[in-house]
Amino acid sequence: MRGTVVCCGQSFRRFDRGQVALEYLGFIPILIIVAMAAVQLGLIAYTAQQAGTAARTAARSASLDNPGWQQDGRDAVSDWVADGTGFQRTDTFGEVAVTAVVDIPSIVPGWDFDPARKTAIMPSD
């Protein structure tokens, strides 16, 4: 029983104390990176959904010849992505196509993403 301490009917190994704490501390950075990646994936999906909403709203407004169609598209998205939202309009015979370009915010330093792009086509009045 070398290296073992017996106290109160239980035996404890002297050299294993704190080992679990050290293993847990080594695993925490991996858990944090996985959690941040999961949140970032959700943020990418949410931004893509917001780009689709902005494109549909702006295309609907542009098809009605509303001069404020870009502002209508920005008003349709969340405030924290509205500043990074831009639009491209294409008028063809009988329809209006609007592409919304929304910057994807990054919560992980050094991870940069291309903006989300969604296009909506509405018939012109």
C-alpha atoms as a PDB file:
ATOM      1  CA  MET A   1       0.000   0.000   0.000  1.00  0.00           C
ATOM      2  CA  ARG A   2       2.785   2.345  -0.852  1.00  0.00           C
ATOM      3  CA  GLY A   3       1.481   5.866  -1.685  1.00  0.00           C
ATOM      4  CA  THR A   4      -1.925   5.176  -0.132  1.00  0.00           C
ATOM      5  CA  VAL A   5      -3.360   6.885   2.937  1.00  0.00           C
ATOM      6  CA  VAL A   6      -6.071   5.138   4.947  1.00  0.00           C
ATOM      7  CA  CYS A   7      -8.465   7.401   6.813  1.00  0.00           C
ATOM      8  CA  CYS A   8     -11.928   6.680   8.196  1.00  0.00           C
ATOM      9  CA  GLY A   9     -12.111   3.286   6.509  1.00  0.00           C
ATOM     10  CA  GLN A  10     -11.378   4.716   3.007  1.00  0.00           C
ATOM     11  CA  SER A  11      -8.122   4.709   1.154  1.00  0.00           C
ATOM     12  CA  PHE A  12      -6.907   7.724  -0.805  1.00  0.00           C
ATOM     13  CA  ARG A  13      -4.019   7.799  -3.232  1.00  0.00           C
ATOM     14  CA  ARG A  14      -1.651  10.579  -2.436  1.00  0.00           C
ATOM     15  CA  PHE A  15      -0.483  11.192  -5.975  1.00  0.00           C
ATOM     16  CA  ASP A  16      -3.894  11.366  -7.712  1.00  0.00           C
ATOM     17  CA  ARG A  17      -5.230  14.368  -5.842  1.00  0.00           C
ATOM     18  CA  GLY A  18      -6.022  17.213  -8.234  1.00  0.00           C
ATOM     19  CA  GLN A  19      -5.651  15.137 -11.390  1.00  0.00           C
ATOM     20  CA  VAL A  20      -9.320  15.491 -12.368  1.00  0.00           C
ATOM     21  CA  ALA A  21      -9.175  19.249 -11.864  1.00  0.00           C
ATOM     22  CA  LEU A  22      -6.165  19.523 -14.166  1.00  0.00           C
ATOM     23  CA  GLU A  23      -7.808  17.371 -16.819  1.00  0.00           C
ATOM     24  CA  TYR A  24     -10.927  19.510 -16.636  1.00  0.00           C
ATOM     25  CA  LEU A  25      -8.889  22.713 -16.982  1.00  0.00           C
ATOM     26  CA  GLY A  26      -7.259  21.302 -20.096  1.00  0.00           C
ATOM     27  CA  PHE A  27     -10.644  20.438 -21.586  1.00  0.00           C
ATOM     28  CA  ILE A  28     -12.299  23.837 -20.941  1.00  0.00           C
ATOM     29  CA  PRO A  29     -10.763  25.605 -23.986  1.00  0.00           C
ATOM     30  CA  ILE A  30     -12.068  22.853 -26.253  1.00  0.00           C
ATOM     31  CA  LEU A  31     -15.554  23.191 -24.780  1.00  0.00           C
ATOM     32  CA  ILE A  32     -15.466  26.964 -25.229  1.00  0.00           C
ATOM     33  CA  ILE A  33     -14.404  26.691 -28.883  1.00  0.00           C
ATOM     34  CA  VAL A  34     -17.130  24.133 -29.627  1.00  0.00           C
ATOM     35  CA  ALA A  35     -19.753  26.309 -27.910  1.00  0.00           C
ATOM     36  CA  MET A  36     -18.642  29.431 -29.791  1.00  0.00           C
ATOM     37  CA  ALA A  37     -18.702  27.531 -33.096  1.00  0.00           C
ATOM     38  CA  ALA A  38     -22.265  26.354 -32.380  1.00  0.00           C
ATOM     39  CA  VAL A  39     -23.384  29.898 -31.582  1.00  0.00           C
ATOM     40  CA  GLN A  40     -21.645  31.183 -34.726  1.00  0.00           C
ATOM     41  CA  LEU A  41     -23.461  28.607 -36.892  1.00  0.00           C
ATOM     42  CA  GLY A  42     -26.764  29.729 -35.422  1.00  0.00           C
ATOM     43  CA  LEU A  43     -25.827  33.335 -36.107  1.00  0.00           C
ATOM     44  CA  ILE A  44     -25.036  32.500 -39.735  1.00  0.00           C
ATOM     45  CA  ALA A  45     -28.410  30.801 -40.184  1.00  0.00           C
ATOM     46  CA  TYR A  46     -30.224  33.700 -38.518  1.00  0.00           C
ATOM     47  CA  THR A  47     -28.447  36.244 -40.732  1.00  0.00           C
ATOM     48  CA  ALA A  48     -29.381  34.257 -43.857  1.00  0.00           C
ATOM     49  CA  GLN A  49     -33.009  34.263 -42.731  1.00  0.00           C
ATOM     50  CA  GLN A  50     -32.849  38.016 -42.129  1.00  0.00           C
ATOM     51  CA  ALA A  51     -31.386  38.523 -45.634  1.00  0.00           C
ATOM     52  CA  GLY A  52     -34.354  36.665 -47.133  1.00  0.00           C
ATOM     53  CA  THR A  53     -36.799  38.802 -45.181  1.00  0.00           C
ATOM     54  CA  ALA A  54     -35.035  42.001 -46.271  1.00  0.00           C
ATOM     55  CA  ALA A  55     -34.998  40.916 -49.930  1.00  0.00           C
ATOM     56  CA  ARG A  56     -38.709  40.049 -49.981  1.00  0.00           C
ATOM     57  CA  THR A  57     -39.745  43.263 -48.251  1.00  0.00           C
ATOM     58  CA  ALA A  58     -37.541  45.478 -50.436  1.00  0.00           C
ATOM     59  CA  ALA A  59     -38.695  43.707 -53.628  1.00  0.00           C
ATOM     60  CA  ARG A  60     -42.347  44.092 -52.652  1.00  0.00           C
ATOM     61  CA  SER A  61     -41.811  47.799 -51.961  1.00  0.00           C
ATOM     62  CA  ALA A  62     -39.776  48.326 -55.148  1.00  0.00           C
ATOM     63  CA  SER A  63     -42.433  46.597 -57.257  1.00  0.00           C
ATOM     64  CA  LEU A  64     -44.896  49.249 -56.052  1.00  0.00           C
ATOM     65  CA  ASP A  65     -42.488  52.030 -57.185  1.00  0.00           C
ATOM     66  CA  ASN A  66     -41.865  53.147 -53.615  1.00  0.00           C
ATOM     67  CA  PRO A  67     -38.783  55.409 -53.535  1.00  0.00           C
ATOM     68  CA  GLY A  68     -37.978  54.240 -49.976  1.00  0.00           C
ATOM     69  CA  TRP A  69     -37.720  50.536 -50.884  1.00  0.00           C
ATOM     70  CA  GLN A  70     -34.214  50.215 -49.412  1.00  0.00           C
ATOM     71  CA  GLN A  71     -35.289  51.668 -46.078  1.00  0.00           C
ATOM     72  CA  ASP A  72     -38.297  49.328 -46.054  1.00  0.00           C
ATOM     73  CA  GLY A  73     -35.896  46.403 -46.456  1.00  0.00           C
ATOM     74  CA  ARG A  74     -33.709  47.630 -43.587  1.00  0.00           C
ATOM     75  CA  ASP A  75     -36.756  48.166 -41.378  1.00  0.00           C
ATOM     76  CA  ALA A  76     -37.735  44.502 -41.891  1.00  0.00           C
ATOM     77  CA  VAL A  77     -34.568  43.123 -40.256  1.00  0.00           C
ATOM     78  CA  SER A  78     -33.200  43.231 -36.717  1.00  0.00           C
ATOM     79  CA  ASP A  79     -31.505  46.450 -35.652  1.00  0.00           C
ATOM     80  CA  TRP A  80     -28.119  44.820 -35.073  1.00  0.00           C
ATOM     81  CA  VAL A  81     -27.869  43.585 -38.708  1.00  0.00           C
ATOM     82  CA  ALA A  82     -29.668  46.509 -40.360  1.00  0.00           C
ATOM     83  CA  ASP A  83     -26.536  48.671 -40.515  1.00  0.00           C
ATOM     84  CA  GLY A  84     -24.674  46.019 -42.496  1.00  0.00           C
ATOM     85  CA  THR A  85     -27.495  45.503 -45.009  1.00  0.00           C
ATOM     86  CA  GLY A  86     -27.226  46.594 -48.632  1.00  0.00           C
ATOM     87  CA  PHE A  87     -29.389  46.049 -51.699  1.00  0.00           C
ATOM     88  CA  GLN A  88     -28.975  45.533 -55.431  1.00  0.00           C
ATOM     89  CA  ARG A  89     -31.967  46.105 -57.711  1.00  0.00           C
ATOM     90  CA  THR A  90     -32.550  44.748 -61.202  1.00  0.00           C
ATOM     91  CA  ASP A  91     -35.592  45.814 -63.211  1.00  0.00           C
ATOM     92  CA  THR A  92     -36.621  43.583 -66.078  1.00  0.00           C
ATOM     93  CA  PHE A  93     -39.769  43.537 -68.167  1.00  0.00           C
ATOM     94  CA  GLY A  94     -42.659  43.057 -65.774  1.00  0.00           C
ATOM     95  CA  GLU A  95     -40.700  42.230 -62.623  1.00  0.00           C
ATOM     96  CA  VAL A  96     -38.288  43.581 -60.040  1.00  0.00           C
ATOM     97  CA  ALA A  97     -35.453  41.525 -58.551  1.00  0.00           C
ATOM     98  CA  VAL A  98     -33.824  42.711 -55.334  1.00  0.00           C
ATOM     99  CA  THR A  99     -30.780  41.077 -53.774  1.00  0.00           C
ATOM    100  CA  ALA A 100     -30.168  41.765 -50.092  1.00  0.00           C
ATOM    101  CA  VAL A 101     -26.567  41.555 -48.903  1.00  0.00           C
ATOM    102  CA  VAL A 102     -26.247  41.269 -45.117  1.00  0.00           C
ATOM    103  CA  ASP A 103     -22.917  41.201 -43.271  1.00  0.00           C
ATOM    104  CA  ILE A 104     -22.568  38.191 -40.970  1.00  0.00           C
ATOM    105  CA  PRO A 105     -21.349  39.266 -37.522  1.00  0.00           C
ATOM    106  CA  SER A 106     -18.558  37.158 -36.042  1.00  0.00           C
ATOM    107  CA  ILE A 107     -18.260  36.328 -32.356  1.00  0.00           C
ATOM    108  CA  VAL A 108     -14.982  34.461 -32.805  1.00  0.00           C
ATOM    109  CA  PRO A 109     -11.931  36.656 -33.395  1.00  0.00           C
ATOM    110  CA  GLY A 110     -10.267  35.879 -36.702  1.00  0.00           C
ATOM    111  CA  TRP A 111     -13.285  34.151 -38.226  1.00  0.00           C
ATOM    112  CA  ASP A 112     -14.537  36.279 -41.123  1.00  0.00           C
ATOM    113  CA  PHE A 113     -17.416  35.269 -43.350  1.00  0.00           C
ATOM    114  CA  ASP A 114     -18.748  36.371 -46.703  1.00  0.00           C
ATOM    115  CA  PRO A 115     -22.039  38.251 -46.425  1.00  0.00           C
ATOM    116  CA  ALA A 116     -25.355  36.449 -46.730  1.00  0.00           C
ATOM    117  CA  ARG A 117     -27.052  37.072 -50.098  1.00  0.00           C
ATOM    118  CA  LYS A 118     -30.719  36.413 -50.841  1.00  0.00           C
ATOM    119  CA  THR A 119     -32.731  37.439 -53.895  1.00  0.00           C
ATOM    120  CA  ALA A 120     -36.457  38.003 -54.230  1.00  0.00           C
ATOM    121  CA  ILE A 121     -38.413  38.641 -57.443  1.00  0.00           C
ATOM    122  CA  MET A 122     -41.773  40.411 -57.500  1.00  0.00           C
ATOM    123  CA  PRO A 123     -43.997  41.342 -60.432  1.00  0.00           C
ATOM    124  CA  SER A 124     -44.136  45.054 -61.233  1.00  0.00           C
ATOM    125  CA  ASP A 125     -47.440  46.884 -61.026  1.00  0.00           C
END
